């Protein structure tokens, strides 16, 4: 097709032709200068490489933002944390862990439908994610979709890679089964969580005792329920409703000081969540 271009559009001599049309001394001088300039430019680029600098600065800024967002979750500042995760996800939409953390912040803030969306996206990116299946079990449970929740809890238990993850999922499924009214299976799950983590001082064990207390409470065995509630309060949890329900039981049993303390803790945690 090139023979169809007008003559004045086609270059009449190329660079190689012009280069060899020079004298041999000029050619040698040009070659020498080219080598010197190329070498110098290479050293300069290695030393001042702007791409490396920008990349390192961006990575540092991202890491700093991730740590800040995680810290805000642990401080109960869920709205501020979610704003950080929003920005991180906008910049890095394929990073699965961002969805894990934003979903967790949403769950703690009571934004269960938003958390479910994030867990679904996490599972699109990582179908065999333990955090994804365990988290969406929790989200579905809070939304009252019990069969879907139970299916994901079962998958999470199969994927659990450590004793702690197994205990966490057993407690999660215990809570879910209490919500479903399946008390016998729920009690087995909560007791399994406590057996996996003996002498445990972690929140997961507080919640296991709390749910065992709920099981006995539902069967009008207040003394047995109270024993588990005492252990739940002793270990401690960031879950406000645990203290509200335990406070109501204490009030019913006439434990006025214990009831007052539980109600105060419920108010503190609820206020922190509202501020977040």
Protein backbone atom coordinates (compact mmCIF):
# COMPACT_ATOMS: atom_id res chain seq x y z
CA UNK A 1 0.00 0.00 0.00
CA UNK A 2 2.96 2.31 0.48
CA UNK A 3 3.28 2.90 -3.31
CA UNK A 4 0.03 4.82 -3.18
CA UNK A 5 1.40 7.59 -0.92
CA UNK A 6 2.32 10.91 -2.67
CA UNK A 7 6.03 11.30 -3.29
CA UNK A 8 6.43 14.20 -0.86
CA UNK A 9 5.06 12.06 2.04
CA UNK A 10 7.78 9.41 1.69
CA UNK A 11 11.21 10.11 3.33
CA UNK A 12 13.84 10.47 0.62
CA UNK A 13 16.76 9.20 2.74
CA UNK A 14 16.70 7.18 5.93
CA UNK A 15 18.93 7.54 9.01
CA UNK A 16 21.35 4.80 7.98
CA UNK A 17 21.92 6.41 4.61
CA UNK A 18 22.63 9.79 6.19
CA UNK A 19 24.89 8.20 8.81
CA UNK A 20 27.17 6.47 6.31
CA UNK A 21 27.27 9.53 4.10
CA UNK A 22 29.56 11.18 6.71
CA UNK A 23 33.37 10.97 6.77
CA UNK A 24 34.89 8.02 8.64
CA UNK A 25 36.32 10.37 11.37
CA UNK A 26 32.87 11.81 12.04
CA UNK A 27 31.42 8.32 12.23
CA UNK A 28 34.00 7.20 14.85
CA UNK A 29 33.43 10.35 16.90
CA UNK A 30 29.66 9.83 16.85
CA UNK A 31 30.01 6.21 17.94
CA UNK A 32 32.30 7.17 20.84
CA UNK A 33 29.95 9.91 22.03
CA UNK A 34 26.99 7.57 21.83
CA UNK A 35 28.73 4.97 24.05
CA UNK A 36 29.73 7.59 26.64
CA UNK A 37 26.27 9.16 26.80
CA UNK A 38 24.48 5.79 26.97
CA UNK A 39 26.69 4.56 29.81
CA UNK A 40 26.25 7.78 31.77
CA UNK A 41 22.51 7.70 31.31
CA UNK A 42 22.40 4.11 32.57
CA UNK A 43 24.25 5.01 35.76
CA UNK A 44 22.00 8.02 36.30
CA UNK A 45 18.85 5.96 35.85
CA UNK A 46 20.09 3.31 38.29
CA UNK A 47 20.83 5.96 40.88
CA UNK A 48 17.77 8.15 40.47
CA UNK A 49 15.26 5.58 39.16
CA UNK A 50 11.99 7.52 39.60
CA UNK A 51 9.83 4.44 39.03
CA UNK A 52 11.44 2.57 41.94
CA UNK A 53 11.06 5.60 44.18
CA UNK A 54 7.41 6.09 43.35
CA UNK A 55 6.69 2.38 43.76
CA UNK A 56 8.38 2.20 47.17
CA UNK A 57 6.62 5.34 48.38
CA UNK A 58 3.26 4.03 47.20
CA UNK A 59 3.83 0.66 48.90
CA UNK A 60 4.80 2.38 52.16
CA UNK A 61 1.74 4.63 52.03
CA UNK A 62 -0.55 1.67 51.36
CA UNK A 63 0.96 -0.37 54.21
CA UNK A 64 0.55 2.60 56.54
CA UNK A 65 -3.09 3.03 55.54
CA UNK A 66 -3.77 -0.69 56.07
CA UNK A 67 -2.28 -0.58 59.58
CA UNK A 68 -4.26 2.56 60.39
CA UNK A 69 -7.50 0.97 59.17
CA UNK A 70 -6.87 -2.16 61.27
CA UNK A 71 -6.12 -0.05 64.34
CA UNK A 72 -9.38 1.86 63.92
CA UNK A 73 -11.32 -1.43 63.90
CA UNK A 74 -9.68 -2.52 67.15
CA UNK A 75 -10.50 0.91 68.66
CA UNK A 76 -14.18 0.56 67.76
CA UNK A 77 -14.05 3.39 65.22
CA UNK A 78 -15.86 1.46 62.53
CA UNK A 79 -17.00 4.33 60.30
CA UNK A 80 -13.50 5.80 60.11
CA UNK A 81 -12.05 2.35 59.48
CA UNK A 82 -14.50 1.65 56.67
CA UNK A 83 -13.55 4.92 54.98
CA UNK A 84 -9.94 3.72 54.88
CA UNK A 85 -10.98 0.33 53.49
CA UNK A 86 -13.16 2.05 50.88
CA UNK A 87 -10.13 3.97 49.62
CA UNK A 88 -7.89 0.90 49.69
CA UNK A 89 -10.43 -1.19 47.78
CA UNK A 90 -10.90 1.56 45.19
CA UNK A 91 -7.12 1.55 44.62
CA UNK A 92 -6.62 -2.24 44.92
CA UNK A 93 -9.92 -3.98 44.07
CA UNK A 94 -8.30 -7.42 43.73
CA UNK A 95 -6.72 -7.57 47.21
CA UNK A 96 -8.87 -10.09 49.08
CA UNK A 97 -7.77 -9.12 52.60
CA UNK A 98 -9.23 -5.62 52.18
CA UNK A 99 -12.70 -7.14 51.84
CA UNK A 100 -12.11 -9.35 54.88
CA UNK A 101 -11.38 -6.35 57.07
CA UNK A 102 -14.11 -4.09 55.69
CA UNK A 103 -16.62 -6.89 56.16
CA UNK A 104 -15.47 -7.35 59.75
CA UNK A 105 -15.82 -3.61 60.43
CA UNK A 106 -19.30 -3.72 58.89
CA UNK A 107 -20.29 -6.69 61.05
CA UNK A 108 -19.17 -4.95 64.23
CA UNK A 109 -21.07 -1.83 63.16
CA UNK A 110 -24.23 -3.88 62.58
CA UNK A 111 -24.12 -3.37 58.81
CA UNK A 112 -24.78 -7.03 58.07
CA UNK A 113 -25.96 -6.74 54.46
CA UNK A 114 -22.87 -4.69 53.56
CA UNK A 115 -20.68 -7.25 55.31
CA UNK A 116 -22.33 -10.07 53.38
CA UNK A 117 -21.53 -8.28 50.09
CA UNK A 118 -17.89 -7.98 51.10
CA UNK A 119 -17.69 -11.62 52.14
CA UNK A 120 -19.24 -12.65 48.83
CA UNK A 121 -16.60 -10.62 46.97
CA UNK A 122 -13.89 -12.19 49.11
CA UNK A 123 -15.15 -15.66 48.18
CA UNK A 124 -15.16 -14.70 44.49
CA UNK A 125 -11.48 -13.85 44.82
CA UNK A 126 -10.64 -16.77 47.14
CA UNK A 127 -13.31 -19.51 47.04
CA UNK A 128 -11.51 -21.59 49.69
CA UNK A 129 -11.11 -18.71 52.16
CA UNK A 130 -11.68 -19.76 55.75
CA UNK A 131 -12.33 -16.13 56.76
CA UNK A 132 -14.83 -15.75 53.94
CA UNK A 133 -16.92 -18.80 54.85
CA UNK A 134 -16.76 -18.23 58.61
CA UNK A 135 -17.58 -14.54 58.21
CA UNK A 136 -20.48 -15.00 55.83
CA UNK A 137 -21.90 -17.65 58.16
CA UNK A 138 -22.02 -14.93 60.82
CA UNK A 139 -23.51 -12.38 58.40
CA UNK A 140 -26.21 -14.74 57.14
CA UNK A 141 -27.03 -15.68 60.71
CA UNK A 142 -27.50 -12.06 61.75
CA UNK A 143 -29.77 -11.57 58.73
CA UNK A 144 -31.84 -14.63 59.72
CA UNK A 145 -30.84 -16.75 56.71
CA UNK A 146 -30.05 -19.79 58.81
CA UNK A 147 -29.72 -22.60 56.21
CA UNK A 148 -27.23 -20.55 54.15
CA UNK A 149 -25.36 -19.59 57.32
CA UNK A 150 -25.12 -23.20 58.49
CA UNK A 151 -23.77 -24.37 55.13
CA UNK A 152 -20.96 -21.81 55.22
CA UNK A 153 -20.12 -22.63 58.85
CA UNK A 154 -19.77 -26.29 57.88
CA UNK A 155 -17.40 -25.35 55.03
CA UNK A 156 -15.40 -23.07 57.34
CA UNK A 157 -14.98 -25.89 59.86
CA UNK A 158 -13.64 -28.14 57.09
CA UNK A 159 -11.21 -25.39 56.01
CA UNK A 160 -10.02 -24.46 59.52
CA UNK A 161 -6.24 -24.68 59.61
CA UNK A 162 -5.54 -24.30 63.33
CA UNK A 163 -7.10 -25.24 66.67
CA UNK A 164 -8.10 -21.61 67.21
CA UNK A 165 -9.90 -21.45 63.85
CA UNK A 166 -11.74 -24.67 64.66
CA UNK A 167 -12.79 -23.30 68.05
CA UNK A 168 -13.88 -20.00 66.50
CA UNK A 169 -16.07 -21.76 63.95
CA UNK A 170 -17.54 -24.14 66.53
CA UNK A 171 -18.53 -21.17 68.68
CA UNK A 172 -19.92 -19.37 65.62
CA UNK A 173 -22.01 -22.42 64.72
CA UNK A 174 -23.06 -22.81 68.36
CA UNK A 175 -24.43 -19.25 68.35
CA UNK A 176 -26.18 -19.91 65.04
CA UNK A 177 -27.82 -23.08 66.36
CA UNK A 178 -28.98 -21.27 69.50
CA UNK A 179 -30.67 -18.74 67.20
CA UNK A 180 -32.27 -21.65 65.35
CA UNK A 181 -33.45 -23.28 68.61
CA UNK A 182 -31.33 -26.40 68.06
CA UNK A 183 -30.02 -26.45 71.63
CA UNK A 184 -28.57 -29.95 71.76
CA UNK A 185 -26.36 -29.41 68.68
CA UNK A 186 -25.52 -25.89 69.86
CA UNK A 187 -24.33 -27.13 73.26
CA UNK A 188 -22.11 -29.73 71.57
CA UNK A 189 -20.50 -27.02 69.42
CA UNK A 190 -19.86 -24.63 72.30
CA UNK A 191 -18.45 -27.38 74.49
CA UNK A 192 -16.21 -28.49 71.61
CA UNK A 193 -14.84 -24.94 71.31
CA UNK A 194 -14.03 -24.90 75.05
CA UNK A 195 -12.42 -28.36 74.83
CA UNK A 196 -10.19 -27.23 71.96
CA UNK A 197 -9.02 -24.19 73.98
CA UNK A 198 -8.81 -25.29 77.64
CA UNK A 199 -8.16 -22.55 80.23
CA UNK A 200 -8.92 -20.06 77.47
CA UNK A 201 -9.00 -16.33 78.23
CA UNK A 202 -9.96 -15.27 74.69
CA UNK A 203 -13.27 -13.68 73.72
CA UNK A 204 -14.24 -16.80 71.74
CA UNK A 205 -14.42 -18.69 75.04
CA UNK A 206 -16.42 -15.92 76.70
CA UNK A 207 -18.95 -16.20 73.87
CA UNK A 208 -19.00 -20.00 74.15
CA UNK A 209 -19.89 -19.70 77.85
CA UNK A 210 -22.43 -16.99 77.04
CA UNK A 211 -24.17 -19.21 74.51
CA UNK A 212 -24.12 -22.19 76.87
CA UNK A 213 -25.79 -19.89 79.39
CA UNK A 214 -28.42 -18.97 76.81
CA UNK A 215 -29.08 -22.66 76.17
CA UNK A 216 -29.70 -23.36 79.88
CA UNK A 217 -31.71 -20.16 80.19
CA UNK A 218 -34.01 -21.29 77.38
CA UNK A 219 -34.60 -24.47 79.38
CA UNK A 220 -35.37 -22.53 82.60
CA UNK A 221 -32.24 -23.76 84.36
CA UNK A 222 -31.23 -20.39 85.75
CA UNK A 223 -28.52 -21.57 88.13
CA UNK A 224 -26.69 -23.47 85.39
CA UNK A 225 -27.11 -20.52 83.05
CA UNK A 226 -25.71 -18.15 85.69
CA UNK A 227 -22.55 -20.24 86.12
CA UNK A 228 -21.74 -19.89 82.43
CA UNK A 229 -22.66 -16.21 82.45
CA UNK A 230 -20.24 -15.62 85.33
CA UNK A 231 -17.43 -17.17 83.28
CA UNK A 232 -18.40 -15.15 80.20
CA UNK A 233 -18.24 -11.88 82.16
CA UNK A 234 -14.99 -12.91 83.85
CA UNK A 235 -13.27 -13.58 80.48
CA UNK A 236 -14.89 -10.57 78.80
CA UNK A 237 -16.12 -9.73 75.33
CA UNK A 238 -16.61 -6.74 73.04
CA UNK A 239 -20.15 -7.93 72.20
CA UNK A 240 -22.58 -5.49 73.91
CA UNK A 241 -25.69 -7.69 73.82
CA UNK A 242 -23.94 -10.32 75.90
CA UNK A 243 -23.81 -7.92 78.85
CA UNK A 244 -27.41 -6.78 78.33
CA UNK A 245 -28.81 -10.31 78.48
CA UNK A 246 -26.56 -11.34 81.35
CA UNK A 247 -27.54 -8.19 83.25
CA UNK A 248 -31.21 -9.06 82.83
CA UNK A 249 -30.60 -12.57 84.17
CA UNK A 250 -28.65 -11.22 87.14
CA UNK A 251 -31.47 -8.78 87.88
CA UNK A 252 -33.99 -11.64 87.77
CA UNK A 253 -31.85 -13.67 90.19
CA UNK A 254 -31.46 -10.71 92.54
CA UNK A 255 -27.73 -10.15 91.88
CA UNK A 256 -28.11 -6.38 91.91
CA UNK A 257 -24.45 -5.37 91.88
CA UNK A 258 -23.58 -7.85 89.15
CA UNK A 259 -26.58 -6.68 87.14
CA UNK A 260 -25.58 -3.02 87.49
CA UNK A 261 -22.02 -3.82 86.38
CA UNK A 262 -23.26 -5.73 83.32
CA UNK A 263 -25.64 -2.94 82.31
CA UNK A 264 -22.84 -0.39 82.64
CA UNK A 265 -20.59 -2.48 80.42
CA UNK A 266 -23.38 -2.82 77.87
CA UNK A 267 -23.78 0.98 77.82
CA UNK A 268 -20.04 1.55 77.41
CA UNK A 269 -19.74 -0.85 74.49
CA UNK A 270 -22.90 0.43 72.81
CA UNK A 271 -21.71 4.03 73.08
CA UNK A 272 -18.33 3.10 71.62
CA UNK A 273 -20.05 1.37 68.72
CA UNK A 274 -22.28 4.39 68.10
CA UNK A 275 -19.26 6.71 68.03
CA UNK A 276 -17.48 4.37 65.61
